Amino acid sequence: MVTPDANRKAVAHACKAYGVSQRRACQALRIDRSTVRYTAIRPGDATLREAMKAVAAERRRFGYRRGSTSCWTGRAS
């Protein structure tokens, strides 16, 4: 298991299939409980993402640093 999402799914499966608590499933799979309980709160940056995609489509050779900088400043150099 590599990703935190895969870990969460494995713990959920163990809880459901074997009828054990989340704490016991995490202990058996050697996964931190904080990984299972964590929920990400992403900011609403849809406009910034669209601007970055537009810059990336227009200027293919820009790296992520130059592309994101031009989006923050509002211009593409």
Protein backbone atom coordinates (compact mmCIF):
# COMPACT_ATOMS: atom_id res chain seq x y z
CA MET A 1 0.00 0.00 0.00
CA VAL A 2 1.49 3.25 -1.08
CA THR A 3 -1.02 6.08 -0.99
CA PRO A 4 -2.97 7.31 2.01
CA ASP A 5 -6.17 6.67 0.07
CA ALA A 6 -5.20 3.02 -0.38
CA ASN A 7 -4.45 2.81 3.34
CA ARG A 8 -7.89 4.24 4.18
CA LYS A 9 -9.57 1.71 1.89
CA ALA A 10 -7.60 -1.17 3.41
CA VAL A 11 -8.57 -0.15 6.95
CA ALA A 12 -12.22 0.27 5.93
CA HIS A 13 -12.18 -3.18 4.33
CA ALA A 14 -10.61 -4.75 7.42
CA CYS A 15 -13.20 -3.11 9.67
CA LYS A 16 -16.09 -4.28 7.51
CA ALA A 17 -14.84 -7.75 6.60
CA TYR A 18 -13.53 -8.79 10.01
CA GLY A 19 -15.74 -6.69 12.26
CA VAL A 20 -12.84 -5.08 14.12
CA SER A 21 -12.50 -1.52 15.31
CA GLN A 22 -10.63 1.11 13.35
CA ARG A 23 -7.93 1.16 16.01
CA ARG A 24 -7.37 -2.62 15.76
CA ALA A 25 -7.40 -2.58 11.96
CA CYS A 26 -4.79 0.19 11.92
CA GLN A 27 -2.69 -1.72 14.44
CA ALA A 28 -2.86 -4.94 12.40
CA LEU A 29 -2.00 -3.17 9.14
CA ARG A 30 0.61 -0.94 10.81
CA ILE A 31 -1.01 2.27 9.62
CA ASP A 32 -1.21 5.45 11.70
CA ARG A 33 -4.73 6.29 12.75
CA SER A 34 -4.12 9.93 11.87
CA THR A 35 -3.68 8.87 8.22
CA VAL A 36 -7.06 7.20 8.25
CA ARG A 37 -8.87 10.03 10.03
CA TYR A 38 -7.32 12.93 8.05
CA THR A 39 -9.59 14.78 5.64
CA ALA A 40 -8.04 17.29 3.27
CA ILE A 41 -9.55 20.74 3.00
CA ARG A 42 -8.63 22.17 -0.37
CA PRO A 43 -9.05 25.86 -1.10
CA GLY A 44 -11.38 26.97 -3.85
CA ASP A 45 -8.71 27.82 -6.42
CA ALA A 46 -10.53 26.79 -9.57
CA THR A 47 -9.85 30.12 -11.31
CA LEU A 48 -6.12 29.81 -10.63
CA ARG A 49 -6.09 26.25 -11.95
CA GLU A 50 -7.85 27.33 -15.14
CA ALA A 51 -5.37 30.18 -15.59
CA MET A 52 -2.44 27.78 -15.12
CA LYS A 53 -3.92 25.38 -17.69
CA ALA A 54 -4.34 28.25 -20.15
CA VAL A 55 -0.70 29.32 -19.70
CA ALA A 56 0.47 25.70 -20.02
CA ALA A 57 -1.52 25.26 -23.24
CA GLU A 58 -0.19 28.51 -24.68
CA ARG A 59 3.44 28.14 -23.61
CA ARG A 60 4.36 24.47 -23.46
CA ARG A 61 8.00 24.97 -22.49
CA PHE A 62 7.25 26.94 -19.32
CA GLY A 63 8.08 24.99 -16.22
CA TYR A 64 5.78 24.91 -13.22
CA ARG A 65 7.66 27.79 -11.60
CA ARG A 66 7.40 30.17 -14.54
CA GLY A 67 3.86 29.11 -15.36
CA SER A 68 2.54 29.59 -11.84
CA THR A 69 4.43 32.88 -11.43
CA SER A 70 2.86 34.28 -14.56
CA CYS A 71 -0.58 33.26 -13.30
CA TRP A 72 -0.04 34.97 -9.95
CA THR A 73 1.17 38.18 -11.56
CA GLY A 74 -1.52 38.06 -14.25
CA ARG A 75 0.82 38.05 -17.24
CA ALA A 76 2.73 35.56 -19.33
CA SER A 77 6.22 36.75 -20.23
